[in-house]
PDB file of N, CA and C in Angstrom:
ATOM      1  N   UNK A   1     129.582  88.943 140.669  1.00  0.00           N
ATOM      2  CA  UNK A   1     128.101  88.979 141.263  1.00  0.00           C
ATOM      3  C   UNK A   1     126.839  89.342 140.878  1.00  0.00           C
ATOM      4  N   UNK A   2     125.836  88.769 140.575  1.00  0.00           N
ATOM      5  CA  UNK A   2     125.173  90.084 139.624  1.00  0.00           C
ATOM      6  C   UNK A   2     123.904  90.143 141.529  1.00  0.00           C
ATOM      7  N   UNK A   3     123.217  91.219 142.631  1.00  0.00           N
ATOM      8  CA  UNK A   3     122.153  91.098 143.260  1.00  0.00           C
ATOM      9  C   UNK A   3     121.185  91.844 142.788  1.00  0.00           C
ATOM     10  N   UNK A   4     120.278  91.385 143.298  1.00  0.00           N
ATOM     11  CA  UNK A   4     118.565  92.059 143.045  1.00  0.00           C
ATOM     12  C   UNK A   4     118.468  92.407 144.010  1.00  0.00           C
ATOM     13  N   UNK A   5     117.666  93.422 145.205  1.00  0.00           N
ATOM     14  CA  UNK A   5     117.167  93.305 146.403  1.00  0.00           C
ATOM     15  C   UNK A   5     115.847  92.673 146.121  1.00  0.00           C
ATOM     16  N   UNK A   6     115.158  92.899 145.644  1.00  0.00           N
ATOM     17  CA  UNK A   6     113.848  92.233 145.304  1.00  0.00           C
ATOM     18  C   UNK A   6     112.904  91.953 144.005  1.00  0.00           C
ATOM     19  N   UNK A   7     111.507  91.953 144.114  1.00  0.00           N
ATOM     20  CA  UNK A   7     110.749  91.661 143.103  1.00  0.00           C
ATOM     21  C   UNK A   7     110.572  93.121 142.122  1.00  0.00           C
ATOM     22  N   UNK A   8     110.067  92.329 140.797  1.00  0.00           N
ATOM     23  CA  UNK A   8     109.864  94.056 139.991  1.00  0.00           C
ATOM     24  C   UNK A   8     108.842  94.723 140.778  1.00  0.00           C
ATOM     25  N   UNK A   9     108.847  95.928 141.067  1.00  0.00           N
ATOM     26  CA  UNK A   9     108.166  96.718 142.505  1.00  0.00           C
ATOM     27  C   UNK A   9     106.858  96.837 140.699  1.00  0.00           C
ATOM     28  N   UNK A  10     105.941  96.904 141.808  1.00  0.00           N
ATOM     29  CA  UNK A  10     104.385  96.927 140.782  1.00  0.00           C
ATOM     30  C   UNK A  10     104.009  98.462 141.135  1.00  0.00           C
ATOM     31  N   UNK A  11     104.106  99.179 140.098  1.00  0.00           N
ATOM     32  CA  UNK A  11     103.522 100.681 140.112  1.00  0.00           C
ATOM     33  C   UNK A  11     101.993 100.872 139.266  1.00  0.00           C
ATOM     34  N   UNK A  12     101.636 101.756 139.399  1.00  0.00           N
ATOM     35  CA  UNK A  12      99.983 102.310 138.803  1.00  0.00           C
ATOM     36  C   UNK A  12     100.309 102.499 138.160  1.00  0.00           C
ATOM     37  N   UNK A  13      99.175 102.645 136.589  1.00  0.00           N
ATOM     38  CA  UNK A  13      99.121 103.464 136.063  1.00  0.00           C
ATOM     39  C   UNK A  13     100.425 104.675 135.610  1.00  0.00           C
ATOM     40  N   UNK A  14     100.697 105.483 134.879  1.00  0.00           N
ATOM     41  CA  UNK A  14     101.514 106.524 135.003  1.00  0.00           C
ATOM     42  C   UNK A  14     100.744 107.500 134.485  1.00  0.00           C
ATOM     43  N   UNK A  15     101.127 109.274 134.551  1.00  0.00           N
ATOM     44  CA  UNK A  15     102.407 109.540 135.335  1.00  0.00           C
ATOM     45  C   UNK A  15     102.494 109.179 136.401  1.00  0.00           C
ATOM     46  N   UNK A  16     104.087 108.904 137.023  1.00  0.00           N
ATOM     47  CA  UNK A  16     104.261 108.972 138.081  1.00  0.00           C
ATOM     48  C   UNK A  16     106.144 109.379 137.918  1.00  0.00           C
ATOM     49  N   UNK A  17     106.772 109.157 139.324  1.00  0.00           N
ATOM     50  CA  UNK A  17     108.306 109.380 139.054  1.00  0.00           C
ATOM     51  C   UNK A  17     108.910 108.781 139.940  1.00  0.00           C
ATOM     52  N   UNK A  18     110.584 108.583 138.884  1.00  0.00           N
ATOM     53  CA  UNK A  18     110.973 107.302 139.203  1.00  0.00           C
ATOM     54  C   UNK A  18     112.588 108.463 139.952  1.00  0.00           C
ATOM     55  N   UNK A  19     112.997 107.899 140.304  1.00  0.00           N
ATOM     56  CA  UNK A  19     114.385 108.636 141.579  1.00  0.00           C
ATOM     57  C   UNK A  19     115.506 107.241 140.758  1.00  0.00           C
ATOM     58  N   UNK A  20     116.116 107.288 139.771  1.00  0.00           N
ATOM     59  CA  UNK A  20     117.142 106.594 139.286  1.00  0.00           C
ATOM     60  C   UNK A  20     118.618 106.503 140.199  1.00  0.00           C
ATOM     61  N   UNK A  21     119.211 106.268 140.787  1.00  0.00           N
ATOM     62  CA  UNK A  21     120.474 106.690 141.427  1.00  0.00           C
ATOM     63  C   UNK A  21     121.504 105.261 140.637  1.00  0.00           C
ATOM     64  N   UNK A  22     122.418 106.024 140.208  1.00  0.00           N
ATOM     65  CA  UNK A  22     123.900 104.927 139.627  1.00  0.00           C
ATOM     66  C   UNK A  22     124.279 105.235 140.305  1.00  0.00           C
ATOM     67  N   UNK A  23     125.763 104.320 140.774  1.00  0.00           N
ATOM     68  CA  UNK A  23     126.739 104.266 141.621  1.00  0.00           C
ATOM     69  C   UNK A  23     127.762 103.293 141.247  1.00  0.00           C
ATOM     70  N   UNK A  24     128.945 103.938 141.987  1.00  0.00           N
ATOM     71  CA  UNK A  24     130.267 102.592 141.649  1.00  0.00           C
ATOM     72  C   UNK A  24     130.612 102.923 143.067  1.00  0.00           C
ATOM     73  N   UNK A  25     130.356 101.729 143.555  1.00  0.00           N
ATOM     74  CA  UNK A  25     130.826 101.598 145.110  1.00  0.00           C
ATOM     75  C   UNK A  25     132.768 101.458 145.540  1.00  0.00           C
ATOM     76  N   UNK A  26     132.597 101.981 146.654  1.00  0.00           N
ATOM     77  CA  UNK A  26     134.075 102.094 147.110  1.00  0.00           C
ATOM     78  C   UNK A  26     134.265 100.263 147.287  1.00  0.00           C
ATOM     79  N   UNK A  27     135.905 100.149 147.622  1.00  0.00           N
ATOM     80  CA  UNK A  27     135.962  98.676 148.196  1.00  0.00           C
ATOM     81  C   UNK A  27     135.415  98.399 149.977  1.00  0.00           C
ATOM     82  N   UNK A  28     134.738  97.345 149.541  1.00  0.00           N
ATOM     83  CA  UNK A  28     134.585  97.047 151.089  1.00  0.00           C
ATOM     84  C   UNK A  28     132.872  97.715 151.770  1.00  0.00           C
ATOM     85  N   UNK A  29     132.670  97.160 152.607  1.00  0.00           N
ATOM     86  CA  UNK A  29     130.930  97.366 153.053  1.00  0.00           C
ATOM     87  C   UNK A  29     130.928  98.919 153.888  1.00  0.00           C
ATOM     88  N   UNK A  30     131.994  98.761 155.017  1.00  0.00           N
ATOM     89  CA  UNK A  30     131.698 100.070 156.316  1.00  0.00           C
ATOM     90  C   UNK A  30     130.007 100.392 156.318  1.00  0.00           C
ATOM     91  N   UNK A  31     129.286  99.043 156.089  1.00  0.00           N
ATOM     92  CA  UNK A  31     128.247  99.480 156.949  1.00  0.00           C
ATOM     93  C   UNK A  31     127.155  99.835 156.776  1.00  0.00           C
ATOM     94  N   UNK A  32     127.380  99.703 154.489  1.00  0.00           N
ATOM     95  CA  UNK A  32     126.736  99.929 153.633  1.00  0.00           C
ATOM     96  C   UNK A  32     125.044  98.810 153.678  1.00  0.00           C
ATOM     97  N   UNK A  33     125.923  97.620 153.842  1.00  0.00           N
ATOM     98  CA  UNK A  33     123.921  96.687 153.801  1.00  0.00           C
ATOM     99  C   UNK A  33     123.584  97.111 154.451  1.00  0.00           C
ATOM    100  N   UNK A  34     123.839  97.247 156.151  1.00  0.00           N
ATOM    101  CA  UNK A  34     122.759  97.686 157.172  1.00  0.00           C
ATOM    102  C   UNK A  34     122.392  99.008 156.538  1.00  0.00           C
ATOM    103  N   UNK A  35     122.976 100.153 156.141  1.00  0.00           N
ATOM    104  CA  UNK A  35     122.229 101.424 155.715  1.00  0.00           C
ATOM    105  C   UNK A  35     121.538 101.377 155.135  1.00  0.00           C
ATOM    106  N   UNK A  36     122.108 100.459 153.240  1.00  0.00           N
ATOM    107  CA  UNK A  36     120.757  99.971 152.446  1.00  0.00           C
ATOM    108  C   UNK A  36     119.705  99.760 152.513  1.00  0.00           C
ATOM    109  N   UNK A  37     119.161  98.284 154.046  1.00  0.00           N
ATOM    110  CA  UNK A  37     118.537  97.667 153.819  1.00  0.00           C
ATOM    111  C   UNK A  37     117.679  99.204 155.154  1.00  0.00           C
ATOM    112  N   UNK A  38     118.359  99.905 155.932  1.00  0.00           N
ATOM    113  CA  UNK A  38     117.082 100.287 156.531  1.00  0.00           C
ATOM    114  C   UNK A  38     116.457 101.621 155.273  1.00  0.00           C
ATOM    115  N   UNK A  39     117.627 101.996 154.526  1.00  0.00           N
ATOM    116  CA  UNK A  39     116.817 103.058 153.442  1.00  0.00           C
ATOM    117  C   UNK A  39     115.315 102.579 153.114  1.00  0.00           C
ATOM    118  N   UNK A  40     115.583 101.465 152.578  1.00  0.00           N
ATOM    119  CA  UNK A  40     114.636 100.720 151.945  1.00  0.00           C
ATOM    120  C   UNK A  40     113.723 100.523 152.760  1.00  0.00           C
ATOM    121  N   UNK A  41     113.472 100.494 154.051  1.00  0.00           N
ATOM    122  CA  UNK A  41     112.720 100.409 155.129  1.00  0.00           C
ATOM    123  C   UNK A  41     112.052 101.846 154.552  1.00  0.00           C
ATOM    124  N   UNK A  42     112.572 102.772 155.264  1.00  0.00           N
ATOM    125  CA  UNK A  42     112.574 103.626 155.702  1.00  0.00           C
ATOM    126  C   UNK A  42     111.632 104.303 154.592  1.00  0.00           C
ATOM    127  N   UNK A  43     112.569 104.202 153.415  1.00  0.00           N
ATOM    128  CA  UNK A  43     111.645 104.842 151.989  1.00  0.00           C
ATOM    129  C   UNK A  43     110.173 104.452 151.811  1.00  0.00           C
ATOM    130  N   UNK A  44     110.207 102.706 152.333  1.00  0.00           N
ATOM    131  CA  UNK A  44     108.661 102.197 152.059  1.00  0.00           C
ATOM    132  C   UNK A  44     107.343 102.779 152.875  1.00  0.00           C
ATOM    133  N   UNK A  45     108.091 103.196 153.865  1.00  0.00           N
ATOM    134  CA  UNK A  45     107.164 104.430 155.024  1.00  0.00           C
ATOM    135  C   UNK A  45     106.652 105.874 154.256  1.00  0.00           C
ATOM    136  N   UNK A  46     107.397 106.219 153.625  1.00  0.00           N
ATOM    137  CA  UNK A  46     106.887 107.801 153.517  1.00  0.00           C
ATOM    138  C   UNK A  46     105.883 107.821 152.322  1.00  0.00           C
ATOM    139  N   UNK A  47     105.477 109.119 152.714  1.00  0.00           N
ATOM    140  CA  UNK A  47     104.099 109.299 151.709  1.00  0.00           C
ATOM    141  C   UNK A  47     104.119 109.181 150.248  1.00  0.00           C
ATOM    142  N   UNK A  48     103.057 108.439 149.428  1.00  0.00           N
ATOM    143  CA  UNK A  48     103.947 108.548 148.480  1.00  0.00           C
ATOM    144  C   UNK A  48     104.923 107.965 147.498  1.00  0.00           C
ATOM    145  N   UNK A  49     105.452 106.424 148.067  1.00  0.00           N
ATOM    146  CA  UNK A  49     106.515 105.542 147.988  1.00  0.00           C
ATOM    147  C   UNK A  49     105.525 104.727 147.169  1.00  0.00           C
ATOM    148  N   UNK A  50     105.987 103.906 145.949  1.00  0.00           N
ATOM    149  CA  UNK A  50     105.577 103.602 145.123  1.00  0.00           C
ATOM    150  C   UNK A  50     106.162 102.222 145.133  1.00  0.00           C
ATOM    151  N   UNK A  51     107.469 101.950 145.047  1.00  0.00           N
ATOM    152  CA  UNK A  51     108.135 101.343 145.249  1.00  0.00           C
ATOM    153  C   UNK A  51     110.126 101.074 145.067  1.00  0.00           C
ATOM    154  N   UNK A  52     110.667 100.071 144.749  1.00  0.00           N
ATOM    155  CA  UNK A  52     111.863  99.894 144.638  1.00  0.00           C
ATOM    156  C   UNK A  52     112.389  98.858 143.787  1.00  0.00           C
ATOM    157  N   UNK A  53     113.204  99.036 143.251  1.00  0.00           N
ATOM    158  CA  UNK A  53     114.189  97.949 142.249  1.00  0.00           C
ATOM    159  C   UNK A  53     116.100  98.359 142.618  1.00  0.00           C
ATOM    160  N   UNK A  54     116.202  97.256 142.460  1.00  0.00           N
ATOM    161  CA  UNK A  54     118.074  97.354 142.705  1.00  0.00           C
ATOM    162  C   UNK A  54     118.643  96.506 142.142  1.00  0.00           C
ATOM    163  N   UNK A  55     119.872  96.764 141.720  1.00  0.00           N
ATOM    164  CA  UNK A  55     120.461  95.751 141.283  1.00  0.00           C
ATOM    165  C   UNK A  55     122.003  96.061 140.747  1.00  0.00           C
ATOM    166  N   UNK A  56     122.792  94.581 140.891  1.00  0.00           N
ATOM    167  CA  UNK A  56     124.146  96.026 141.644  1.00  0.00           C
ATOM    168  C   UNK A  56     125.103  94.405 140.506  1.00  0.00           C
ATOM    169  N   UNK A  57     126.004  94.596 139.299  1.00  0.00           N
ATOM    170  CA  UNK A  57     126.711  94.147 138.966  1.00  0.00           C
ATOM    171  C   UNK A  57     128.401  95.287 138.444  1.00  0.00           C
ATOM    172  N   UNK A  58     129.093  95.145 139.289  1.00  0.00           N
ATOM    173  CA  UNK A  58     129.886  96.770 138.631  1.00  0.00           C
ATOM    174  C   UNK A  58     129.461  98.198 139.015  1.00  0.00           C
ATOM    175  N   UNK A  59     128.409  98.282 137.859  1.00  0.00           N
ATOM    176  CA  UNK A  59     127.965  99.834 138.171  1.00  0.00           C
ATOM    177  C   UNK A  59     126.338  99.223 139.140  1.00  0.00           C
ATOM    178  N   UNK A  60     126.571 100.010 140.339  1.00  0.00           N
ATOM    179  CA  UNK A  60     124.694  99.364 141.072  1.00  0.00           C
ATOM    180  C   UNK A  60     123.869 100.743 140.285  1.00  0.00           C
ATOM    181  N   UNK A  61     122.570 100.366 140.109  1.00  0.00           N
ATOM    182  CA  UNK A  61     121.148 100.939 139.503  1.00  0.00           C
ATOM    183  C   UNK A  61     120.395 100.853 141.006  1.00  0.00           C
ATOM    184  N   UNK A  62     119.563 101.779 141.310  1.00  0.00           N
ATOM    185  CA  UNK A  62     119.172 101.456 142.256  1.00  0.00           C
ATOM    186  C   UNK A  62     117.401 102.720 141.862  1.00  0.00           C
ATOM    187  N   UNK A  63     116.295 101.809 141.371  1.00  0.00           N
ATOM    188  CA  UNK A  63     115.410 102.952 140.989  1.00  0.00           C
ATOM    189  C   UNK A  63     114.205 102.782 142.005  1.00  0.00           C
ATOM    190  N   UNK A  64     113.743 104.080 142.754  1.00  0.00           N
ATOM    191  CA  UNK A  64     112.808 104.503 143.492  1.00  0.00           C
ATOM    192  C   UNK A  64     111.676 104.914 142.887  1.00  0.00           C
ATOM    193  N   UNK A  65     110.834 104.363 142.956  1.00  0.00           N
ATOM    194  CA  UNK A  65     108.846 104.893 142.543  1.00  0.00           C
ATOM    195  C   UNK A  65     108.325 105.687 143.346  1.00  0.00           C
ATOM    196  N   UNK A  66     107.616 107.415 143.150  1.00  0.00           N
ATOM    197  CA  UNK A  66     107.237 107.950 143.852  1.00  0.00           C
ATOM    198  C   UNK A  66     105.443 108.349 143.042  1.00  0.00           C
ATOM    199  N   UNK A  67     104.876 108.856 144.319  1.00  0.00           N
ATOM    200  CA  UNK A  67     103.585 109.030 143.360  1.00  0.00           C
ATOM    201  C   UNK A  67     104.002 110.496 142.523  1.00  0.00           C
ATOM    202  N   UNK A  68     104.839 111.381 142.307  1.00  0.00           N
ATOM    203  CA  UNK A  68     105.184 112.901 141.747  1.00  0.00           C
ATOM    204  C   UNK A  68     106.811 112.995 142.798  1.00  0.00           C
ATOM    205  N   UNK A  69     106.812 113.911 141.564  1.00  0.00           N
ATOM    206  CA  UNK A  69     108.057 114.719 142.118  1.00  0.00           C
ATOM    207  C   UNK A  69     108.077 115.293 143.332  1.00  0.00           C
ATOM    208  N   UNK A  70     106.852 116.005 143.696  1.00  0.00           N
ATOM    209  CA  UNK A  70     106.813 116.171 145.219  1.00  0.00           C
ATOM    210  C   UNK A  70     107.206 115.217 146.671  1.00  0.00           C
ATOM    211  N   UNK A  71     106.745 114.110 145.914  1.00  0.00           N
ATOM    212  CA  UNK A  71     107.020 112.800 147.244  1.00  0.00           C
ATOM    213  C   UNK A  71     108.230 112.496 146.673  1.00  0.00           C
ATOM    214  N   UNK A  72     108.741 112.296 145.919  1.00  0.00           N
ATOM    215  CA  UNK A  72     110.082 111.967 145.597  1.00  0.00           C
ATOM    216  C   UNK A  72     111.712 113.180 146.790  1.00  0.00           C
ATOM    217  N   UNK A  73     110.988 114.549 146.151  1.00  0.00           N
ATOM    218  CA  UNK A  73     111.586 114.850 146.856  1.00  0.00           C
ATOM    219  C   UNK A  73     111.262 115.530 148.564  1.00  0.00           C
ATOM    220  N   UNK A  74     110.558 114.828 148.743  1.00  0.00           N
ATOM    221  CA  UNK A  74     110.100 115.051 149.978  1.00  0.00           C
ATOM    222  C   UNK A  74     111.136 113.655 150.922  1.00  0.00           C
ATOM    223  N   UNK A  75     111.209 112.797 149.719  1.00  0.00           N
ATOM    224  CA  UNK A  75     112.585 111.272 150.910  1.00  0.00           C
ATOM    225  C   UNK A  75     113.601 112.402 150.543  1.00  0.00           C
ATOM    226  N   UNK A  76     113.921 112.971 150.086  1.00  0.00           N
ATOM    227  CA  UNK A  76     115.450 113.667 149.752  1.00  0.00           C
ATOM    228  C   UNK A  76     115.475 114.319 151.156  1.00  0.00           C
ATOM    229  N   UNK A  77     114.655 114.825 151.703  1.00  0.00           N
ATOM    230  CA  UNK A  77     114.584 115.806 152.695  1.00  0.00           C
ATOM    231  C   UNK A  77     114.748 115.005 154.208  1.00  0.00           C
ATOM    232  N   UNK A  78     114.354 113.333 153.938  1.00  0.00           N
ATOM    233  CA  UNK A  78     114.457 113.046 155.456  1.00  0.00           C
ATOM    234  C   UNK A  78     115.132 113.156 156.537  1.00  0.00           C
ATOM    235  N   UNK A  79     115.280 113.341 157.324  1.00  0.00           N
ATOM    236  CA  UNK A  79     116.644 112.960 158.462  1.00  0.00           C
ATOM    237  C   UNK A  79     117.369 112.242 158.417  1.00  0.00           C
ATOM    238  N   UNK A  80     117.258 110.795 158.480  1.00  0.00           N
ATOM    239  CA  UNK A  80     117.985 109.473 158.246  1.00  0.00           C
ATOM    240  C   UNK A  80     118.508 109.528 156.941  1.00  0.00           C
ATOM    241  N   UNK A  81     117.690 109.760 155.485  1.00  0.00           N
ATOM    242  CA  UNK A  81     117.985 109.968 154.668  1.00  0.00           C
ATOM    243  C   UNK A  81     119.156 110.595 153.863  1.00  0.00           C
ATOM    244  N   UNK A  82     119.006 112.069 154.948  1.00  0.00           N
ATOM    245  CA  UNK A  82     120.213 112.771 154.175  1.00  0.00           C
ATOM    246  C   UNK A  82     121.684 112.358 155.195  1.00  0.00           C
ATOM    247  N   UNK A  83     121.672 111.497 156.077  1.00  0.00           N
ATOM    248  CA  UNK A  83     122.633 111.325 157.152  1.00  0.00           C
ATOM    249  C   UNK A  83     123.342 109.989 156.030  1.00  0.00           C
ATOM    250  N   UNK A  84     122.631 109.202 155.591  1.00  0.00           N
ATOM    251  CA  UNK A  84     123.007 108.668 154.573  1.00  0.00           C
ATOM    252  C   UNK A  84     123.289 108.693 153.112  1.00  0.00           C
ATOM    253  N   UNK A  85     122.964 109.984 152.847  1.00  0.00           N
ATOM    254  CA  UNK A  85     123.705 110.512 151.694  1.00  0.00           C
ATOM    255  C   UNK A  85     124.840 110.985 151.838  1.00  0.00           C
ATOM    256  N   UNK A  86     125.038 111.402 152.671  1.00  0.00           N
ATOM    257  CA  UNK A  86     126.309 111.748 153.888  1.00  0.00           C
ATOM    258  C   UNK A  86     127.198 110.840 153.143  1.00  0.00           C
ATOM    259  N   UNK A  87     127.030 110.080 153.838  1.00  0.00           N
ATOM    260  CA  UNK A  87     127.883 108.959 154.471  1.00  0.00           C
ATOM    261  C   UNK A  87     128.574 108.414 153.088  1.00  0.00           C
ATOM    262  N   UNK A  88     127.682 108.073 151.752  1.00  0.00           N
ATOM    263  CA  UNK A  88     127.369 107.727 150.899  1.00  0.00           C
ATOM    264  C   UNK A  88     128.697 108.519 150.131  1.00  0.00           C
ATOM    265  N   UNK A  89     128.296 109.796 150.612  1.00  0.00           N
ATOM    266  CA  UNK A  89     129.647 111.175 150.078  1.00  0.00           C
ATOM    267  C   UNK A  89     131.239 110.294 149.940  1.00  0.00           C
ATOM    268  N   UNK A  90     130.813 110.724 151.346  1.00  0.00           N
ATOM    269  CA  UNK A  90     131.918 110.402 151.798  1.00  0.00           C
ATOM    270  C   UNK A  90     133.039 108.589 152.307  1.00  0.00           C
ATOM    271  N   UNK A  91     132.286 107.474 152.368  1.00  0.00           N
ATOM    272  CA  UNK A  91     132.451 106.350 153.074  1.00  0.00           C
ATOM    273  C   UNK A  91     132.319 105.709 151.203  1.00  0.00           C
ATOM    274  N   UNK A  92     131.173 105.356 150.686  1.00  0.00           N
ATOM    275  CA  UNK A  92     130.417 104.421 150.426  1.00  0.00           C
ATOM    276  C   UNK A  92     130.559 104.431 148.743  1.00  0.00           C
ATOM    277  N   UNK A  93     131.087 105.082 147.664  1.00  0.00           N
ATOM    278  CA  UNK A  93     130.735 105.897 146.429  1.00  0.00           C
ATOM    279  C   UNK A  93     132.066 106.486 146.396  1.00  0.00           C
ATOM    280  N   UNK A  94     132.184 106.017 144.729  1.00  0.00           N
ATOM    281  CA  UNK A  94     133.427 106.320 144.128  1.00  0.00           C
ATOM    282  C   UNK A  94     133.028 107.492 142.829  1.00  0.00           C
ATOM    283  N   UNK A  95     131.775 107.355 142.952  1.00  0.00           N
ATOM    284  CA  UNK A  95     130.941 107.969 141.880  1.00  0.00           C
ATOM    285  C   UNK A  95     129.234 107.815 141.951  1.00  0.00           C
ATOM    286  N   UNK A  96     128.623 108.435 141.450  1.00  0.00           N
ATOM    287  CA  UNK A  96     127.228 108.499 142.088  1.00  0.00           C
ATOM    288  C   UNK A  96     126.415 109.546 141.164  1.00  0.00           C
ATOM    289  N   UNK A  97     125.325 109.183 139.983  1.00  0.00           N
ATOM    290  CA  UNK A  97     124.368 110.276 139.630  1.00  0.00           C
ATOM    291  C   UNK A  97     123.477 110.136 140.151  1.00  0.00           C
ATOM    292  N   UNK A  98     122.172 110.538 140.472  1.00  0.00           N
ATOM    293  CA  UNK A  98     120.990 111.074 139.873  1.00  0.00           C
ATOM    294  C   UNK A  98     120.075 111.133 139.632  1.00  0.00           C
ATOM    295  N   UNK A  99     119.088 110.804 139.136  1.00  0.00           N
ATOM    296  CA  UNK A  99     118.041 111.307 137.406  1.00  0.00           C
ATOM    297  C   UNK A  99     117.070 111.016 138.274  1.00  0.00           C
ATOM    298  N   UNK A 100     116.389 112.152 138.178  1.00  0.00           N
ATOM    299  CA  UNK A 100     114.888 112.273 138.615  1.00  0.00           C
ATOM    300  C   UNK A 100     114.018 112.403 137.079  1.00  0.00           C
ATOM    301  N   UNK A 101     113.052 111.128 137.038  1.00  0.00           N
ATOM    302  CA  UNK A 101     112.290 111.298 135.338  1.00  0.00           C
ATOM    303  C   UNK A 101     110.462 111.366 135.596  1.00  0.00           C
ATOM    304  N   UNK A 102     109.890 111.601 134.914  1.00  0.00           N
ATOM    305  CA  UNK A 102     108.194 111.682 134.872  1.00  0.00           C
ATOM    306  C   UNK A 102     108.158 110.179 133.739  1.00  0.00           C
ATOM    307  N   UNK A 103     108.013 108.945 134.664  1.00  0.00           N
ATOM    308  CA  UNK A 103     107.514 108.133 133.836  1.00  0.00           C
ATOM    309  C   UNK A 103     106.170 108.033 132.641  1.00  0.00           C
ATOM    310  N   UNK A 104     105.971 108.298 131.774  1.00  0.00           N
ATOM    311  CA  UNK A 104     105.018 108.811 130.970  1.00  0.00           C
ATOM    312  C   UNK A 104     104.625 107.319 130.214  1.00  0.00           C
ATOM    313  N   UNK A 105     105.485 106.325 130.596  1.00  0.00           N
ATOM    314  CA  UNK A 105     104.623 104.948 129.788  1.00  0.00           C
ATOM    315  C   UNK A 105     105.295 104.120 130.184  1.00  0.00           C
ATOM    316  N   UNK A 106     104.589 102.710 131.080  1.00  0.00           N
ATOM    317  CA  UNK A 106     105.532 101.170 131.421  1.00  0.00           C
ATOM    318  C   UNK A 106     104.321 100.379 130.774  1.00  0.00           C
ATOM    319  N   UNK A 107     105.287  99.374 130.285  1.00  0.00           N
ATOM    320  CA  UNK A 107     104.312  98.196 130.019  1.00  0.00           C
ATOM    321  C   UNK A 107     105.591  96.768 130.044  1.00  0.00           C
ATOM    322  N   UNK A 108     104.722  95.609 130.554  1.00  0.00           N
ATOM    323  CA  UNK A 108     105.666  94.540 130.852  1.00  0.00           C
ATOM    324  C   UNK A 108     104.310  92.820 130.234  1.00  0.00           C
ATOM    325  N   UNK A 109     104.955  92.195 130.313  1.00  0.00           N
ATOM    326  CA  UNK A 109     103.800  90.768 130.180  1.00  0.00           C
ATOM    327  C   UNK A 109     103.245  90.593 131.417  1.00  0.00           C
ATOM    328  N   UNK A 110     103.529  90.896 132.421  1.00  0.00           N
ATOM    329  CA  UNK A 110     102.618  91.326 134.019  1.00  0.00           C
ATOM    330  C   UNK A 110     101.485  92.425 133.819  1.00  0.00           C
ATOM    331  N   UNK A 111     101.875  93.682 132.813  1.00  0.00           N
ATOM    332  CA  UNK A 111     101.240  94.337 133.556  1.00  0.00           C
ATOM    333  C   UNK A 111     102.267  95.494 133.658  1.00  0.00           C
ATOM    334  N   UNK A 112     101.730  96.538 134.418  1.00  0.00           N
ATOM    335  CA  UNK A 112     102.178  98.053 135.041  1.00  0.00           C
ATOM    336  C   UNK A 112     101.610  98.107 136.771  1.00  0.00           C
ATOM    337  N   UNK A 113     100.682  97.428 137.073  1.00  0.00           N
ATOM    338  CA  UNK A 113     100.439  97.406 138.117  1.00  0.00           C
ATOM    339  C   UNK A 113      99.655  96.202 139.330  1.00  0.00           C
TER     340      UNK A 113
END
């Protein structure tokens, strides 16, 4: 089953930062859905947050967009997010990788903003 957390994020004209979180989940929920929803809510309240996209079909991919690298780095250090990261390592993920990139071009049929 495919899962999409929401619409395609409406981002400003580049440049901006994308944090790409790719993961393989463990079996069972173990509180994951509640924490995932909370992290999306909390991230959206952070300075420099631009949007998020998420999909899962086997491999999960969540991309969060930030005004710049400093805003993305600050999000990584938010206390409640640090707790979620630890729980992810201990319970929710068999494997994961985080990639941080600068978006230099973006285009699509509906534009980028």
